[in-house]
């Protein structure tokens, strides 16, 4: 019986946290600090790496160093997925319906409400009532200098027409772009660490990716309060292809070939054993890179980072606990509840950063707000992973191990 249970745990993707993983929060803090130091001590190296990107228009949509790290982060997860489990997971409608409801009917609006309350009310005097930001003119709009557009005024800056808007509204725009971009890549890591159902996570990632293509521009345009938010189709498709589809295809094909050539037992005991630390090491390398790119911005705006981080932190926890509570009411298994709750709590910050850059400019407050999303994403999601692992008993057991 014990041997059978052990075999089922291996086959169904159960993972035990080793010593390295148990202290992951410490490694994360050290890597964030290391990245910021690298960006400060060797800014030339950071700029060189940051400039290695795939561009859509003027916006750097895919950072090549980050893409490589994310591939190494995702591949060990993708190669473990048994696609028979994916087909089974796809037939389970409750967790999919839950994540769609939370991600698209709740999350964008709670993000808007929290950002307006904190940035536009509670922290308004701290940000500065007179503080303004210069952002790009909306696409297709050509107004005279001095004209009003929404809450902004058209001004001439270094020979280019820009829209001058209240600074807090620029931060609000960045928060909105984060709030309407549910995670479609890193959530695979969070689900993996929380011992969730990898097959279900993959199904939800696919569905949310398609839904984002349909609703991202519609919700963004509505919540930003502009006439129209152009959907960054190329950015979205390229991001999903590189961050999700490429490691998925590589994992599927290599798993199929290795199992056929060497057998399932060798694949599980030998090959996966070698891959086990790769995901975590790639995650830590990603953090060093991200914060070497953005460390100067963070050091130059420490209090601003705090004002933006507070509503983002509350939003992440609110969405997680809402989805987690609903999952319990729906009587989901733990392995389904954990990823269904975390996919909405985390954000697709790559798309949010690219979109804010395209719409408002690289130096805008909106772009800064999306960078803050990166800053809090990993530590907060690791905290939620630990909460999930400690509350497994709240949910009914998975049928395979009942």
Protein backbone atom coordinates (compact mmCIF):
# COMPACT_ATOMS: atom_id res chain seq x y z
CA UNK A 1 0.00 0.00 0.00
CA UNK A 2 2.80 2.40 0.95
CA UNK A 3 4.71 1.51 -2.24
CA UNK A 4 1.56 2.04 -4.33
CA UNK A 5 0.96 5.43 -2.75
CA UNK A 6 4.58 6.41 -3.43
CA UNK A 7 4.22 5.36 -7.07
CA UNK A 8 1.01 7.34 -7.50
CA UNK A 9 2.65 10.42 -5.99
CA UNK A 10 5.49 10.19 -8.50
CA UNK A 11 3.14 9.65 -11.44
CA UNK A 12 0.75 12.43 -10.46
CA UNK A 13 3.49 15.03 -10.06
CA UNK A 14 3.71 15.26 -6.28
CA UNK A 15 6.81 17.09 -5.12
CA UNK A 16 8.54 17.45 -1.80
CA UNK A 17 10.33 20.65 -0.96
CA UNK A 18 14.04 20.09 -0.40
CA UNK A 19 16.26 22.21 1.81
CA UNK A 20 17.10 24.52 -1.09
CA UNK A 21 13.40 25.11 -1.87
CA UNK A 22 12.48 25.61 1.80
CA UNK A 23 14.80 28.63 1.94
CA UNK A 24 13.68 29.91 -1.45
CA UNK A 25 12.44 33.21 0.01
CA UNK A 26 15.96 33.91 1.29
CA UNK A 27 17.51 33.15 -2.11
CA UNK A 28 14.90 35.41 -3.74
CA UNK A 29 15.83 38.33 -1.47
CA UNK A 30 19.54 37.77 -2.12
CA UNK A 31 18.99 37.60 -5.90
CA UNK A 32 16.88 40.77 -5.89
CA UNK A 33 19.61 42.56 -3.93
CA UNK A 34 22.27 41.09 -6.20
CA UNK A 35 20.42 42.26 -9.30
CA UNK A 36 20.06 45.80 -7.98
CA UNK A 37 23.76 45.88 -7.02
CA UNK A 38 24.74 44.56 -10.46
CA UNK A 39 22.66 47.27 -12.15
CA UNK A 40 24.30 49.93 -9.98
CA UNK A 41 27.89 48.65 -10.09
CA UNK A 42 27.93 47.55 -13.73
CA UNK A 43 25.19 49.56 -15.47
CA UNK A 44 26.82 48.97 -18.86
CA UNK A 45 26.37 45.21 -18.58
CA UNK A 46 22.75 45.63 -17.44
CA UNK A 47 21.98 48.00 -20.33
CA UNK A 48 23.64 45.65 -22.82
CA UNK A 49 21.56 42.71 -21.62
CA UNK A 50 18.39 44.80 -21.42
CA UNK A 51 18.91 45.93 -25.02
CA UNK A 52 18.91 42.33 -26.27
CA UNK A 53 15.20 42.15 -27.07
CA UNK A 54 12.62 41.42 -29.74
CA UNK A 55 10.83 44.68 -30.55
CA UNK A 56 7.29 45.35 -31.76
CA UNK A 57 7.31 48.93 -33.00
CA UNK A 58 9.29 50.86 -30.39
CA UNK A 59 8.45 48.56 -27.51
CA UNK A 60 10.83 45.80 -26.32
CA UNK A 61 8.26 43.01 -26.06
CA UNK A 62 10.48 40.01 -25.38
CA UNK A 63 13.80 40.26 -23.55
CA UNK A 64 16.04 37.56 -25.02
CA UNK A 65 17.99 36.87 -21.74
CA UNK A 66 14.71 36.71 -19.79
CA UNK A 67 13.16 34.47 -22.46
CA UNK A 68 16.09 32.04 -22.14
CA UNK A 69 15.73 31.97 -18.34
CA UNK A 70 11.97 31.50 -18.58
CA UNK A 71 12.43 28.63 -21.03
CA UNK A 72 14.78 26.92 -18.58
CA UNK A 73 12.27 27.64 -15.82
CA UNK A 74 9.30 26.22 -17.76
CA UNK A 75 10.84 23.26 -19.56
CA UNK A 76 11.32 21.02 -16.48
CA UNK A 77 7.66 21.63 -15.60
CA UNK A 78 6.36 21.03 -19.12
CA UNK A 79 8.35 17.83 -19.62
CA UNK A 80 6.77 16.34 -16.46
CA UNK A 81 3.23 16.82 -17.76
CA UNK A 82 1.43 13.66 -18.83
CA UNK A 83 -0.94 14.86 -21.54
CA UNK A 84 -3.45 12.18 -20.65
CA UNK A 85 -3.82 14.12 -17.39
CA UNK A 86 -4.30 17.32 -19.39
CA UNK A 87 -7.23 15.75 -21.24
CA UNK A 88 -8.76 14.62 -17.94
CA UNK A 89 -8.27 18.09 -16.45
CA UNK A 90 -9.92 19.72 -19.45
CA UNK A 91 -13.11 17.77 -18.72
CA UNK A 92 -13.30 19.26 -15.21
CA UNK A 93 -15.26 22.47 -15.75
CA UNK A 94 -15.45 23.83 -12.19
CA UNK A 95 -11.87 25.08 -11.73
CA UNK A 96 -11.77 26.48 -15.26
CA UNK A 97 -15.05 28.34 -14.72
CA UNK A 98 -13.77 29.60 -11.35
CA UNK A 99 -10.57 31.06 -12.76
CA UNK A 100 -12.39 32.68 -15.70
CA UNK A 101 -14.92 34.28 -13.35
CA UNK A 102 -12.31 35.62 -10.93
CA UNK A 103 -9.85 36.73 -13.63
CA UNK A 104 -12.28 38.59 -15.87
CA UNK A 105 -15.42 39.43 -13.87
CA UNK A 106 -13.75 40.39 -10.58
CA UNK A 107 -10.00 41.03 -10.76
CA UNK A 108 -9.87 44.00 -13.22
CA UNK A 109 -12.50 45.91 -11.24
CA UNK A 110 -11.05 45.27 -7.77
CA UNK A 111 -7.65 46.40 -9.10
CA UNK A 112 -9.20 49.60 -10.43
CA UNK A 113 -11.06 50.27 -7.17
CA UNK A 114 -8.02 49.63 -4.96
CA UNK A 115 -5.69 51.73 -7.13
CA UNK A 116 -8.13 54.66 -7.19
CA UNK A 117 -8.65 54.46 -3.42
CA UNK A 118 -4.97 54.28 -2.48
CA UNK A 119 -3.29 56.29 -5.24
CA UNK A 120 -6.06 58.79 -5.92
CA UNK A 121 -7.30 59.27 -2.34
CA UNK A 122 -5.25 57.88 0.54
CA UNK A 123 -1.78 58.55 -0.93
CA UNK A 124 -2.84 61.48 -3.11
CA UNK A 125 -1.11 64.12 -0.97
CA UNK A 126 2.01 61.96 -0.62
CA UNK A 127 2.35 61.47 -4.38
CA UNK A 128 1.75 65.18 -4.84
CA UNK A 129 -1.44 66.93 -6.03
CA UNK A 130 0.64 69.03 -8.45
CA UNK A 131 2.82 66.14 -9.66
CA UNK A 132 2.37 65.39 -13.35
CA UNK A 133 3.63 62.87 -15.85
CA UNK A 134 4.32 63.14 -19.57
CA UNK A 135 2.94 60.24 -21.59
CA UNK A 136 2.58 59.45 -25.27
CA UNK A 137 -0.37 60.89 -27.14
CA UNK A 138 -3.04 58.20 -27.69
CA UNK A 139 -2.73 56.41 -31.00
CA UNK A 140 -4.36 58.26 -33.89
CA UNK A 141 -4.94 61.44 -31.88
CA UNK A 142 -3.53 64.77 -33.12
CA UNK A 143 -4.60 67.68 -30.92
CA UNK A 144 -3.27 71.21 -30.71
CA UNK A 145 -0.94 72.22 -27.88
CA UNK A 146 -3.03 73.33 -24.90
CA UNK A 147 -6.01 71.14 -25.81
CA UNK A 148 -7.61 69.02 -23.10
CA UNK A 149 -7.98 65.26 -23.46
CA UNK A 150 -9.57 63.47 -20.53
CA UNK A 151 -7.66 64.62 -17.44
CA UNK A 152 -4.61 65.62 -19.49
CA UNK A 153 -3.33 68.62 -21.42
CA UNK A 154 -1.42 68.50 -24.69
CA UNK A 155 2.07 70.02 -24.28
CA UNK A 156 5.17 70.27 -26.44
CA UNK A 157 8.15 68.44 -24.91
CA UNK A 158 11.46 68.49 -26.77
CA UNK A 159 9.62 69.15 -30.00
CA UNK A 160 7.17 66.27 -29.52
CA UNK A 161 3.50 66.55 -28.53
CA UNK A 162 2.89 64.77 -25.22
CA UNK A 163 -0.05 64.47 -22.89
CA UNK A 164 0.53 65.91 -19.42
CA UNK A 165 -1.58 64.06 -16.87
CA UNK A 166 -1.69 63.85 -13.05
CA UNK A 167 1.06 61.51 -11.89
CA UNK A 168 -1.25 59.35 -9.80
CA UNK A 169 -3.39 58.66 -12.87
CA UNK A 170 -0.32 57.42 -14.71
CA UNK A 171 0.36 55.00 -11.85
CA UNK A 172 -3.31 54.01 -11.98
CA UNK A 173 -2.96 53.13 -15.68
CA UNK A 174 -0.05 50.79 -14.94
CA UNK A 175 -2.01 49.07 -12.16
CA UNK A 176 -4.94 48.59 -14.53
CA UNK A 177 -2.71 47.00 -17.17
CA UNK A 178 -1.43 44.58 -14.52
CA UNK A 179 -4.95 43.85 -13.27
CA UNK A 180 -6.24 42.78 -16.69
CA UNK A 181 -3.28 40.47 -17.44
CA UNK A 182 -3.66 37.14 -15.61
CA UNK A 183 -0.47 35.10 -15.45
CA UNK A 184 0.13 32.66 -18.31
CA UNK A 185 3.72 31.60 -17.62
CA UNK A 186 4.99 31.97 -14.05
CA UNK A 187 1.78 30.41 -12.68
CA UNK A 188 3.15 27.08 -13.92
CA UNK A 189 6.03 27.56 -11.47
CA UNK A 190 3.71 28.53 -8.60
CA UNK A 191 1.41 25.57 -9.28
CA UNK A 192 4.43 23.26 -9.46
CA UNK A 193 5.82 24.45 -6.12
CA UNK A 194 2.37 24.20 -4.50
CA UNK A 195 2.03 20.56 -5.70
CA UNK A 196 -0.94 21.50 -7.86
CA UNK A 197 -2.39 19.74 -10.88
CA UNK A 198 0.05 20.61 -13.68
CA UNK A 199 -2.33 19.36 -16.36
CA UNK A 200 -5.16 21.58 -15.13
CA UNK A 201 -2.78 24.54 -14.83
CA UNK A 202 -1.79 24.10 -18.45
CA UNK A 203 -5.44 23.95 -19.56
CA UNK A 204 -6.23 27.15 -17.62
CA UNK A 205 -3.15 28.88 -19.05
CA UNK A 206 -4.30 28.05 -22.58
CA UNK A 207 -7.86 29.25 -21.95
CA UNK A 208 -6.74 32.45 -20.22
CA UNK A 209 -4.28 33.17 -23.02
CA UNK A 210 -7.07 33.02 -25.60
CA UNK A 211 -9.42 35.01 -23.36
CA UNK A 212 -6.75 37.69 -22.90
CA UNK A 213 -6.56 38.13 -26.66
CA UNK A 214 -10.30 38.86 -26.70
CA UNK A 215 -10.77 40.89 -23.52
CA UNK A 216 -7.46 42.64 -22.81
CA UNK A 217 -8.11 45.57 -25.13
CA UNK A 218 -11.84 45.81 -24.33
CA UNK A 219 -11.39 45.92 -20.53
CA UNK A 220 -8.27 48.06 -20.81
CA UNK A 221 -10.04 50.64 -22.94
CA UNK A 222 -13.03 50.72 -20.59
CA UNK A 223 -11.04 51.01 -17.37
CA UNK A 224 -8.47 53.46 -18.67
CA UNK A 225 -11.33 55.68 -19.73
CA UNK A 226 -9.90 56.47 -23.15
CA UNK A 227 -11.72 56.21 -26.42
CA UNK A 228 -9.91 53.06 -27.51
CA UNK A 229 -7.01 50.95 -26.28
CA UNK A 230 -5.31 49.32 -29.26
CA UNK A 231 -4.85 45.61 -28.58
CA UNK A 232 -1.12 44.77 -28.77
CA UNK A 233 -1.83 41.63 -30.83
CA UNK A 234 1.76 41.09 -31.87
CA UNK A 235 3.04 41.57 -28.33
CA UNK A 236 0.45 39.20 -26.86
CA UNK A 237 0.94 36.46 -29.46
CA UNK A 238 4.72 36.71 -29.37
CA UNK A 239 4.79 36.65 -25.57
CA UNK A 240 2.49 33.62 -25.32
CA UNK A 241 4.40 31.79 -28.07
CA UNK A 242 7.80 32.30 -26.47
CA UNK A 243 6.91 32.06 -22.77
CA UNK A 244 4.38 29.19 -22.98
CA UNK A 245 4.12 27.48 -26.37
CA UNK A 246 7.85 26.98 -27.01
CA UNK A 247 8.69 25.22 -23.70
CA UNK A 248 5.40 23.29 -23.96
CA UNK A 249 6.28 21.93 -27.40
CA UNK A 250 9.86 21.16 -26.34
CA UNK A 251 8.63 19.38 -23.22
CA UNK A 252 6.02 17.33 -25.05
CA UNK A 253 8.34 16.19 -27.86
CA UNK A 254 11.33 15.42 -25.63
CA UNK A 255 9.19 13.50 -23.10
CA UNK A 256 7.69 11.41 -25.88
CA UNK A 257 11.13 10.64 -27.36
CA UNK A 258 12.85 9.89 -24.03
CA UNK A 259 10.07 7.60 -22.74
CA UNK A 260 9.99 5.70 -26.04
CA UNK A 261 13.80 5.31 -26.13
CA UNK A 262 14.68 4.75 -22.45
CA UNK A 263 11.38 3.88 -20.78
CA UNK A 264 9.18 5.61 -18.20
CA UNK A 265 11.15 4.42 -15.16
CA UNK A 266 14.45 5.86 -16.48
CA UNK A 267 12.65 9.10 -17.38
CA UNK A 268 11.22 9.48 -13.87
CA UNK A 269 14.21 8.33 -11.82
CA UNK A 270 17.15 9.58 -13.86
CA UNK A 271 16.14 12.36 -16.24
CA UNK A 272 13.71 14.20 -13.93
CA UNK A 273 16.16 13.94 -11.04
CA UNK A 274 18.74 15.91 -13.04
CA UNK A 275 16.14 18.54 -13.98
CA UNK A 276 14.77 19.07 -10.46
CA UNK A 277 16.89 22.14 -9.50
CA UNK A 278 16.77 23.74 -12.97
CA UNK A 279 13.42 25.52 -12.48
CA UNK A 280 14.47 27.18 -9.22
CA UNK A 281 17.93 28.16 -10.50
CA UNK A 282 16.36 29.68 -13.64
CA UNK A 283 13.85 31.58 -11.47
CA UNK A 284 16.66 33.06 -9.40
CA UNK A 285 18.65 33.98 -12.52
CA UNK A 286 15.53 35.69 -13.91
CA UNK A 287 15.29 37.80 -10.74
CA UNK A 288 18.93 38.87 -10.98
CA UNK A 289 18.37 39.95 -14.59
CA UNK A 290 15.05 41.73 -13.96
CA UNK A 291 16.37 43.74 -11.05
CA UNK A 292 19.65 44.57 -12.73
CA UNK A 293 17.54 46.11 -15.53
CA UNK A 294 15.17 48.01 -13.21
CA UNK A 295 17.22 48.44 -10.03
CA UNK A 296 18.11 52.08 -10.71
CA UNK A 297 14.44 52.98 -11.14
CA UNK A 298 13.61 51.27 -7.85
CA UNK A 299 16.45 52.97 -5.93
CA UNK A 300 15.53 56.38 -7.36
CA UNK A 301 11.86 56.05 -6.32
CA UNK A 302 11.75 54.11 -3.02
CA UNK A 303 8.67 55.82 -1.52
CA UNK A 304 6.83 55.84 -4.83
CA UNK A 305 7.48 52.11 -5.08
CA UNK A 306 5.87 51.68 -1.65
CA UNK A 307 2.73 53.69 -2.54
CA UNK A 308 2.20 51.58 -5.67
CA UNK A 309 3.14 48.29 -4.01
CA UNK A 310 0.48 48.53 -1.27
CA UNK A 311 -2.62 48.29 -3.53
CA UNK A 312 -0.88 45.64 -5.65
CA UNK A 313 -0.09 43.58 -2.54
CA UNK A 314 -3.67 43.84 -1.25
CA UNK A 315 -5.05 42.98 -4.70
CA UNK A 316 -2.91 39.84 -4.97
CA UNK A 317 -4.04 38.57 -1.56
CA UNK A 318 -7.68 39.55 -2.13
CA UNK A 319 -7.93 37.67 -5.42
CA UNK A 320 -6.13 34.62 -4.05
CA UNK A 321 -8.35 34.31 -0.96
CA UNK A 322 -11.52 34.95 -2.98
CA UNK A 323 -10.66 32.19 -5.45
CA UNK A 324 -9.35 29.87 -2.72
CA UNK A 325 -12.54 30.32 -0.68
CA UNK A 326 -14.76 29.75 -3.71
CA UNK A 327 -12.73 26.64 -4.58
CA UNK A 328 -13.51 25.26 -1.14
CA UNK A 329 -17.21 26.06 -1.53
CA UNK A 330 -17.17 24.30 -4.91
CA UNK A 331 -15.59 21.27 -3.18
CA UNK A 332 -12.57 21.19 -5.47
CA UNK A 333 -9.61 18.99 -4.64
CA UNK A 334 -6.52 20.74 -3.34
CA UNK A 335 -4.54 19.95 -6.49
CA UNK A 336 -7.17 21.81 -8.53
CA UNK A 337 -7.84 24.60 -6.02
CA UNK A 338 -4.22 25.77 -5.68
CA UNK A 339 -3.49 26.59 -9.35
CA UNK A 340 -7.05 27.89 -9.93
CA UNK A 341 -6.49 30.41 -7.14
CA UNK A 342 -2.96 31.44 -8.07
CA UNK A 343 -3.49 32.05 -11.79
CA UNK A 344 -5.61 35.10 -10.97
CA UNK A 345 -3.50 36.27 -8.05
CA UNK A 346 -0.37 36.52 -10.20
CA UNK A 347 0.02 38.80 -13.21
CA UNK A 348 1.45 38.54 -16.72
CA UNK A 349 3.85 41.40 -16.00
CA UNK A 350 5.75 40.91 -19.29
CA UNK A 351 2.65 41.85 -21.31
CA UNK A 352 1.74 44.65 -18.87
CA UNK A 353 5.22 46.20 -19.16
CA UNK A 354 5.22 45.91 -22.96
CA UNK A 355 1.74 47.43 -23.23
CA UNK A 356 2.47 50.31 -20.84
CA UNK A 357 5.65 51.07 -22.81
CA UNK A 358 3.78 51.07 -26.12
CA UNK A 359 0.86 53.14 -24.89
CA UNK A 360 2.49 55.58 -22.45
CA UNK A 361 6.26 55.44 -22.94
CA UNK A 362 9.21 53.77 -21.26
CA UNK A 363 9.76 56.57 -18.71
CA UNK A 364 6.08 56.96 -17.78
CA UNK A 365 4.58 56.38 -14.35
CA UNK A 366 2.47 53.61 -15.92
CA UNK A 367 5.61 51.72 -16.92
CA UNK A 368 7.03 52.22 -13.41
CA UNK A 369 3.87 50.75 -11.86
CA UNK A 370 4.22 47.61 -13.96
CA UNK A 371 7.83 47.28 -12.80
CA UNK A 372 6.56 47.37 -9.20
CA UNK A 373 4.40 44.41 -10.22
CA UNK A 374 7.60 42.50 -10.90
CA UNK A 375 9.06 43.61 -7.57
CA UNK A 376 6.27 42.16 -5.43
CA UNK A 377 5.19 39.26 -7.65
CA UNK A 378 7.74 36.62 -6.63
CA UNK A 379 7.92 37.20 -2.84
CA UNK A 380 4.13 37.45 -2.50
CA UNK A 381 3.44 34.40 -4.68
CA UNK A 382 6.00 32.39 -2.71
CA UNK A 383 4.13 33.38 0.45
CA UNK A 384 0.87 32.14 -1.12
CA UNK A 385 2.54 28.89 -2.18
CA UNK A 386 3.48 28.27 1.46
CA UNK A 387 -0.08 29.07 2.55
CA UNK A 388 -1.40 26.56 0.03
CA UNK A 389 0.96 23.83 1.21
CA UNK A 390 -0.07 24.38 4.83
CA UNK A 391 -3.83 24.33 4.09
CA UNK A 392 -4.09 21.20 1.94
CA UNK A 393 -6.31 19.62 4.60
CA UNK A 394 -9.01 22.23 3.91
CA UNK A 395 -9.88 20.44 0.68
CA UNK A 396 -11.05 16.96 -0.19
CA UNK A 397 -8.26 14.64 -1.34
CA UNK A 398 -7.60 14.00 -5.00
CA UNK A 399 -9.38 10.84 -6.23
CA UNK A 400 -6.04 9.21 -7.08
CA UNK A 401 -4.84 9.28 -3.47
CA UNK A 402 -8.10 9.02 -1.55
